[in-house]
Amino acid sequence: MNNYFDKVKNYLLELDINILLEDETDGVIVVESEEDGIKNLVLGIADPLLIVEQFLVEVNNPSADDYKHLLQKNRDLVHGAFVLDDSGTKVIFRDTLQVENLDLNELEASFNSLSLLLNEYSEELIKLSGK
């Protein structure tokens, strides 16, 4: 795993992503890119996968229409998808990549997809939170 951890970390540095925390033993890196709206994004390196997760919003009083809208929005995402945590109330952006064949462009595309989502869909996410 050490080799994959270094590979992912080097890509993050090359992309100028700010590393907040790294735990090579657990294969976890937490990053941010404030200009892209990315904060506390978690990358989990678990051979053969790189799991990218960003908590987006907690849904207060969720309805079936809210979940339907999230699923429909998934169709517009180039990389990743909306997922829910076990409670069904926390909306998370998640992308799962093959770490063995991962290249810089693929990781960058995942970040770009999240950034685009945050830019285009932020008002709807705020509405989902009920704030």
N, C-alpha and C. Protein backbone atom coordinates (compact mmCIF):
# COMPACT_ATOMS: atom_id res chain seq x y z
N MET A 1 0.83 -1.20 0.00
CA MET A 1 0.00 0.00 0.00
C MET A 1 0.87 1.26 0.00
N ASN A 2 2.03 1.20 0.61
CA ASN A 2 2.93 2.34 0.70
C ASN A 2 3.16 2.97 -0.68
N ASN A 3 3.37 2.13 -1.67
CA ASN A 3 3.60 2.61 -3.02
C ASN A 3 2.40 3.42 -3.54
N TYR A 4 1.18 2.92 -3.30
CA TYR A 4 -0.02 3.63 -3.74
C TYR A 4 -0.24 4.91 -2.95
N PHE A 5 0.07 4.87 -1.67
CA PHE A 5 -0.07 6.07 -0.83
C PHE A 5 0.81 7.19 -1.38
N ASP A 6 2.07 6.84 -1.67
CA ASP A 6 3.00 7.83 -2.22
C ASP A 6 2.54 8.33 -3.58
N LYS A 7 2.01 7.43 -4.40
CA LYS A 7 1.52 7.79 -5.73
C LYS A 7 0.40 8.83 -5.62
N VAL A 8 -0.59 8.56 -4.76
CA VAL A 8 -1.71 9.48 -4.58
C VAL A 8 -1.23 10.80 -4.00
N LYS A 9 -0.37 10.74 -3.00
CA LYS A 9 0.15 11.95 -2.37
C LYS A 9 0.90 12.82 -3.38
N ASN A 10 1.72 12.20 -4.21
CA ASN A 10 2.47 12.95 -5.22
C ASN A 10 1.53 13.61 -6.23
N TYR A 11 0.47 12.91 -6.62
CA TYR A 11 -0.52 13.51 -7.52
C TYR A 11 -1.18 14.72 -6.87
N LEU A 12 -1.52 14.61 -5.59
CA LEU A 12 -2.15 15.72 -4.87
C LEU A 12 -1.22 16.93 -4.84
N LEU A 13 0.04 16.69 -4.58
CA LEU A 13 1.02 17.78 -4.56
C LEU A 13 1.16 18.40 -5.94
N GLU A 14 1.16 17.56 -6.97
CA GLU A 14 1.26 18.05 -8.34
C GLU A 14 0.04 18.91 -8.72
N LEU A 15 -1.12 18.55 -8.18
CA LEU A 15 -2.35 19.29 -8.45
C LEU A 15 -2.50 20.52 -7.56
N ASP A 16 -1.54 20.72 -6.67
CA ASP A 16 -1.55 21.86 -5.75
C ASP A 16 -2.74 21.81 -4.78
N ILE A 17 -3.07 20.60 -4.35
CA ILE A 17 -4.14 20.38 -3.38
C ILE A 17 -3.50 20.41 -1.99
N ASN A 18 -4.11 21.15 -1.08
CA ASN A 18 -3.59 21.29 0.27
C ASN A 18 -3.88 20.04 1.10
N ILE A 19 -2.85 19.38 1.59
CA ILE A 19 -3.00 18.19 2.43
C ILE A 19 -3.13 18.63 3.88
N LEU A 20 -4.26 18.30 4.50
CA LEU A 20 -4.52 18.67 5.90
C LEU A 20 -4.04 17.60 6.87
N LEU A 21 -4.19 16.35 6.46
CA LEU A 21 -3.83 15.23 7.33
C LEU A 21 -3.46 14.05 6.46
N GLU A 22 -2.49 13.29 6.90
CA GLU A 22 -2.15 12.06 6.20
C GLU A 22 -1.80 10.98 7.20
N ASP A 23 -2.34 9.80 6.99
CA ASP A 23 -2.08 8.65 7.85
C ASP A 23 -1.78 7.47 6.93
N GLU A 24 -0.51 7.25 6.71
CA GLU A 24 -0.10 6.21 5.77
C GLU A 24 -0.50 4.83 6.27
N THR A 25 -0.47 4.62 7.58
CA THR A 25 -0.83 3.33 8.15
C THR A 25 -2.26 2.95 7.81
N ASP A 26 -3.18 3.90 7.93
CA ASP A 26 -4.59 3.65 7.62
C ASP A 26 -4.93 3.95 6.16
N GLY A 27 -3.98 4.50 5.42
CA GLY A 27 -4.22 4.82 4.01
C GLY A 27 -5.21 5.95 3.82
N VAL A 28 -5.12 6.98 4.68
CA VAL A 28 -6.07 8.09 4.63
C VAL A 28 -5.33 9.41 4.43
N ILE A 29 -5.87 10.22 3.52
CA ILE A 29 -5.37 11.58 3.30
C ILE A 29 -6.59 12.50 3.29
N VAL A 30 -6.51 13.59 4.04
CA VAL A 30 -7.59 14.58 4.06
C VAL A 30 -7.04 15.85 3.43
N VAL A 31 -7.80 16.40 2.48
CA VAL A 31 -7.32 17.54 1.71
C VAL A 31 -8.37 18.63 1.62
N GLU A 32 -7.92 19.80 1.12
CA GLU A 32 -8.83 20.89 0.82
C GLU A 32 -8.29 21.67 -0.36
N SER A 33 -9.22 22.33 -1.03
CA SER A 33 -8.89 23.26 -2.10
C SER A 33 -9.96 24.34 -2.02
N GLU A 34 -9.70 25.34 -1.20
CA GLU A 34 -10.72 26.34 -0.89
C GLU A 34 -11.25 27.03 -2.14
N GLU A 35 -10.37 27.32 -3.11
CA GLU A 35 -10.82 28.00 -4.32
C GLU A 35 -11.82 27.14 -5.11
N ASP A 36 -11.79 25.82 -4.89
CA ASP A 36 -12.73 24.92 -5.56
C ASP A 36 -13.91 24.54 -4.67
N GLY A 37 -13.95 25.07 -3.44
CA GLY A 37 -15.03 24.76 -2.52
C GLY A 37 -14.87 23.41 -1.83
N ILE A 38 -13.70 22.82 -1.95
CA ILE A 38 -13.45 21.50 -1.38
C ILE A 38 -12.84 21.64 0.01
N LYS A 39 -13.48 21.04 0.99
CA LYS A 39 -13.03 21.16 2.38
C LYS A 39 -13.17 19.80 3.07
N ASN A 40 -12.09 19.35 3.68
CA ASN A 40 -12.06 18.08 4.41
C ASN A 40 -12.48 16.90 3.54
N LEU A 41 -12.01 16.89 2.31
CA LEU A 41 -12.25 15.76 1.42
C LEU A 41 -11.34 14.61 1.86
N VAL A 42 -11.92 13.43 2.00
CA VAL A 42 -11.19 12.27 2.49
C VAL A 42 -10.88 11.33 1.33
N LEU A 43 -9.61 10.97 1.22
CA LEU A 43 -9.18 9.98 0.26
C LEU A 43 -8.74 8.74 1.04
N GLY A 44 -9.39 7.63 0.76
CA GLY A 44 -9.03 6.37 1.40
C GLY A 44 -8.41 5.43 0.40
N ILE A 45 -7.19 5.01 0.68
CA ILE A 45 -6.46 4.14 -0.22
C ILE A 45 -6.54 2.74 0.33
N ALA A 46 -7.35 1.91 -0.32
CA ALA A 46 -7.54 0.52 0.10
C ALA A 46 -7.44 -0.34 -1.15
N ASP A 47 -6.21 -0.78 -1.44
CA ASP A 47 -5.93 -1.56 -2.64
C ASP A 47 -7.05 -2.59 -2.86
N PRO A 48 -7.71 -2.57 -3.99
CA PRO A 48 -7.35 -1.96 -5.26
C PRO A 48 -8.03 -0.61 -5.52
N LEU A 49 -8.62 0.01 -4.47
CA LEU A 49 -9.42 1.20 -4.70
C LEU A 49 -8.87 2.45 -4.03
N LEU A 50 -9.18 3.59 -4.66
CA LEU A 50 -9.04 4.90 -4.05
C LEU A 50 -10.45 5.43 -3.90
N ILE A 51 -10.87 5.67 -2.67
CA ILE A 51 -12.22 6.16 -2.41
C ILE A 51 -12.11 7.64 -2.05
N VAL A 52 -12.84 8.46 -2.78
CA VAL A 52 -12.84 9.91 -2.59
C VAL A 52 -14.20 10.30 -2.04
N GLU A 53 -14.22 10.92 -0.84
CA GLU A 53 -15.50 11.30 -0.24
C GLU A 53 -15.45 12.72 0.31
N GLN A 54 -16.51 13.47 0.02
CA GLN A 54 -16.67 14.83 0.52
C GLN A 54 -18.08 14.95 1.09
N PHE A 55 -18.17 15.20 2.41
CA PHE A 55 -19.48 15.47 3.02
C PHE A 55 -20.00 16.78 2.43
N LEU A 56 -21.25 16.78 2.00
CA LEU A 56 -21.83 17.96 1.39
C LEU A 56 -22.84 18.65 2.29
N VAL A 57 -23.83 17.90 2.79
CA VAL A 57 -24.90 18.53 3.53
C VAL A 57 -25.68 17.47 4.31
N GLU A 58 -26.24 17.88 5.42
CA GLU A 58 -27.17 17.03 6.15
C GLU A 58 -28.58 17.46 5.78
N VAL A 59 -29.39 16.50 5.38
CA VAL A 59 -30.75 16.78 4.93
C VAL A 59 -31.68 16.75 6.14
N ASN A 60 -32.35 17.88 6.37
CA ASN A 60 -33.34 17.96 7.44
C ASN A 60 -34.72 17.69 6.85
N ASN A 61 -35.47 16.82 7.46
CA ASN A 61 -36.81 16.47 6.99
C ASN A 61 -36.81 16.05 5.52
N PRO A 62 -36.03 15.02 5.18
CA PRO A 62 -35.93 14.61 3.78
C PRO A 62 -37.26 14.04 3.28
N SER A 63 -37.52 14.29 2.00
CA SER A 63 -38.71 13.73 1.36
C SER A 63 -38.26 12.83 0.21
N ALA A 64 -39.19 12.06 -0.29
CA ALA A 64 -38.90 11.21 -1.44
C ALA A 64 -38.48 12.06 -2.64
N ASP A 65 -39.10 13.23 -2.78
CA ASP A 65 -38.74 14.13 -3.89
C ASP A 65 -37.30 14.61 -3.77
N ASP A 66 -36.83 14.86 -2.52
CA ASP A 66 -35.44 15.27 -2.33
C ASP A 66 -34.49 14.19 -2.83
N TYR A 67 -34.75 12.96 -2.45
CA TYR A 67 -33.89 11.86 -2.86
C TYR A 67 -33.99 11.60 -4.37
N LYS A 68 -35.19 11.75 -4.91
CA LYS A 68 -35.37 11.59 -6.36
C LYS A 68 -34.54 12.62 -7.10
N HIS A 69 -34.56 13.86 -6.63
CA HIS A 69 -33.80 14.93 -7.27
C HIS A 69 -32.30 14.65 -7.21
N LEU A 70 -31.81 14.15 -6.09
CA LEU A 70 -30.39 13.81 -5.97
C LEU A 70 -30.01 12.71 -6.98
N LEU A 71 -30.86 11.70 -7.08
CA LEU A 71 -30.57 10.62 -8.01
C LEU A 71 -30.59 11.13 -9.46
N GLN A 72 -31.51 12.02 -9.77
CA GLN A 72 -31.54 12.59 -11.12
C GLN A 72 -30.29 13.42 -11.39
N LYS A 73 -29.82 14.14 -10.40
CA LYS A 73 -28.62 14.97 -10.55
C LYS A 73 -27.38 14.10 -10.77
N ASN A 74 -27.38 12.89 -10.23
CA ASN A 74 -26.25 11.98 -10.44
C ASN A 74 -25.96 11.78 -11.93
N ARG A 75 -26.98 11.85 -12.73
CA ARG A 75 -26.82 11.64 -14.17
C ARG A 75 -25.93 12.71 -14.80
N ASP A 76 -25.91 13.90 -14.20
CA ASP A 76 -25.11 15.01 -14.74
C ASP A 76 -23.64 14.95 -14.32
N LEU A 77 -23.33 14.14 -13.32
CA LEU A 77 -21.96 14.11 -12.80
C LEU A 77 -21.07 13.29 -13.73
N VAL A 78 -19.94 13.86 -14.08
CA VAL A 78 -18.99 13.18 -14.95
C VAL A 78 -18.25 12.09 -14.17
N HIS A 79 -17.83 12.42 -12.98
CA HIS A 79 -17.16 11.48 -12.08
C HIS A 79 -17.89 11.51 -10.76
N GLY A 80 -17.97 10.39 -10.09
CA GLY A 80 -18.54 10.34 -8.77
C GLY A 80 -20.06 10.37 -8.78
N ALA A 81 -20.62 10.39 -7.56
CA ALA A 81 -22.07 10.37 -7.41
C ALA A 81 -22.44 10.86 -6.02
N PHE A 82 -23.70 11.25 -5.89
CA PHE A 82 -24.26 11.52 -4.57
C PHE A 82 -24.52 10.17 -3.90
N VAL A 83 -24.15 10.07 -2.64
CA VAL A 83 -24.48 8.89 -1.85
C VAL A 83 -24.98 9.38 -0.49
N LEU A 84 -25.60 8.48 0.25
CA LEU A 84 -26.07 8.79 1.60
C LEU A 84 -25.27 7.97 2.60
N ASP A 85 -25.09 8.52 3.79
CA ASP A 85 -24.46 7.74 4.86
C ASP A 85 -25.48 6.73 5.39
N ASP A 86 -25.09 5.96 6.38
CA ASP A 86 -25.96 4.93 6.94
C ASP A 86 -27.24 5.49 7.55
N SER A 87 -27.20 6.73 8.04
CA SER A 87 -28.40 7.33 8.63
C SER A 87 -29.40 7.77 7.57
N GLY A 88 -28.93 7.92 6.32
CA GLY A 88 -29.79 8.37 5.25
C GLY A 88 -30.04 9.86 5.23
N THR A 89 -29.30 10.60 6.06
CA THR A 89 -29.52 12.05 6.14
C THR A 89 -28.32 12.87 5.70
N LYS A 90 -27.16 12.26 5.61
CA LYS A 90 -25.97 13.00 5.19
C LYS A 90 -25.67 12.69 3.73
N VAL A 91 -25.63 13.75 2.92
CA VAL A 91 -25.34 13.62 1.49
C VAL A 91 -23.84 13.79 1.30
N ILE A 92 -23.24 12.84 0.59
CA ILE A 92 -21.80 12.79 0.38
C ILE A 92 -21.53 12.65 -1.12
N PHE A 93 -20.51 13.35 -1.60
CA PHE A 93 -20.00 13.10 -2.94
C PHE A 93 -19.00 11.96 -2.80
N ARG A 94 -19.12 10.93 -3.64
CA ARG A 94 -18.20 9.79 -3.57
C ARG A 94 -17.78 9.39 -4.97
N ASP A 95 -16.49 9.17 -5.10
CA ASP A 95 -15.94 8.64 -6.34
C ASP A 95 -15.03 7.48 -5.97
N THR A 96 -15.09 6.42 -6.73
CA THR A 96 -14.27 5.23 -6.47
C THR A 96 -13.43 4.98 -7.71
N LEU A 97 -12.12 4.98 -7.53
CA LEU A 97 -11.19 4.83 -8.64
C LEU A 97 -10.28 3.63 -8.41
N GLN A 98 -9.80 3.04 -9.48
CA GLN A 98 -8.82 1.96 -9.38
C GLN A 98 -7.45 2.57 -9.11
N VAL A 99 -6.88 2.30 -7.96
CA VAL A 99 -5.63 2.95 -7.58
C VAL A 99 -4.44 2.43 -8.39
N GLU A 100 -4.46 1.17 -8.78
CA GLU A 100 -3.33 0.60 -9.51
C GLU A 100 -3.09 1.32 -10.83
N ASN A 101 -4.18 1.65 -11.55
CA ASN A 101 -4.07 2.29 -12.86
C ASN A 101 -4.33 3.78 -12.82
N LEU A 102 -4.43 4.33 -11.63
CA LEU A 102 -4.74 5.75 -11.46
C LEU A 102 -3.66 6.62 -12.10
N ASP A 103 -4.13 7.64 -12.82
CA ASP A 103 -3.17 8.62 -13.34
C ASP A 103 -3.61 10.01 -12.88
N LEU A 104 -2.75 10.96 -13.09
CA LEU A 104 -2.99 12.33 -12.64
C LEU A 104 -4.28 12.90 -13.23
N ASN A 105 -4.51 12.68 -14.50
CA ASN A 105 -5.70 13.22 -15.16
C ASN A 105 -6.99 12.68 -14.56
N GLU A 106 -6.99 11.41 -14.21
CA GLU A 106 -8.20 10.80 -13.63
C GLU A 106 -8.50 11.39 -12.25
N LEU A 107 -7.47 11.56 -11.43
CA LEU A 107 -7.67 12.15 -10.11
C LEU A 107 -8.11 13.61 -10.25
N GLU A 108 -7.50 14.32 -11.17
CA GLU A 108 -7.89 15.71 -11.40
C GLU A 108 -9.33 15.80 -11.88
N ALA A 109 -9.76 14.88 -12.71
CA ALA A 109 -11.14 14.87 -13.19
C ALA A 109 -12.13 14.66 -12.05
N SER A 110 -11.76 13.86 -11.08
CA SER A 110 -12.62 13.64 -9.92
C SER A 110 -12.78 14.93 -9.13
N PHE A 111 -11.68 15.63 -8.90
CA PHE A 111 -11.73 16.92 -8.21
C PHE A 111 -12.52 17.95 -9.01
N ASN A 112 -12.31 17.98 -10.32
CA ASN A 112 -13.04 18.92 -11.17
C ASN A 112 -14.53 18.66 -11.16
N SER A 113 -14.91 17.39 -11.14
CA SER A 113 -16.32 17.04 -11.10
C SER A 113 -16.97 17.54 -9.80
N LEU A 114 -16.28 17.35 -8.69
CA LEU A 114 -16.79 17.83 -7.41
C LEU A 114 -16.86 19.35 -7.40
N SER A 115 -15.84 20.01 -7.89
CA SER A 115 -15.82 21.47 -7.92
C SER A 115 -16.97 22.02 -8.77
N LEU A 116 -17.18 21.42 -9.93
CA LEU A 116 -18.27 21.83 -10.81
C LEU A 116 -19.62 21.61 -10.13
N LEU A 117 -19.77 20.49 -9.48
CA LEU A 117 -20.99 20.18 -8.74
C LEU A 117 -21.26 21.25 -7.68
N LEU A 118 -20.24 21.60 -6.93
CA LEU A 118 -20.39 22.59 -5.87
C LEU A 118 -20.74 23.97 -6.44
N ASN A 119 -20.17 24.31 -7.58
CA ASN A 119 -20.46 25.60 -8.21
C ASN A 119 -21.88 25.67 -8.78
N GLU A 120 -22.31 24.59 -9.40
CA GLU A 120 -23.60 24.60 -10.08
C GLU A 120 -24.78 24.22 -9.21
N TYR A 121 -24.54 23.51 -8.14
CA TYR A 121 -25.63 22.90 -7.39
C TYR A 121 -25.69 23.36 -5.93
N SER A 122 -24.89 24.34 -5.57
CA SER A 122 -24.79 24.73 -4.16
C SER A 122 -26.11 25.25 -3.59
N GLU A 123 -26.87 26.01 -4.38
CA GLU A 123 -28.14 26.54 -3.87
C GLU A 123 -29.11 25.41 -3.55
N GLU A 124 -29.17 24.39 -4.40
CA GLU A 124 -30.04 23.25 -4.15
C GLU A 124 -29.61 22.48 -2.91
N LEU A 125 -28.29 22.36 -2.71
CA LEU A 125 -27.79 21.67 -1.52
C LEU A 125 -28.17 22.44 -0.25
N ILE A 126 -28.08 23.75 -0.32
CA ILE A 126 -28.47 24.57 0.83
C ILE A 126 -29.96 24.39 1.13
N LYS A 127 -30.77 24.34 0.08
CA LYS A 127 -32.21 24.11 0.28
C LYS A 127 -32.48 22.77 0.94
N LEU A 128 -31.71 21.74 0.53
CA LEU A 128 -31.88 20.42 1.13
C LEU A 128 -31.60 20.43 2.62
N SER A 129 -30.68 21.28 3.03
CA SER A 129 -30.32 21.32 4.45
C SER A 129 -31.39 22.05 5.27
N GLY A 130 -32.27 22.75 4.57
CA GLY A 130 -33.34 23.47 5.27
C GLY A 130 -32.88 24.78 5.87
N LYS A 131 -31.71 25.28 5.44
CA LYS A 131 -31.18 26.53 5.98
C LYS A 131 -31.41 27.67 5.04
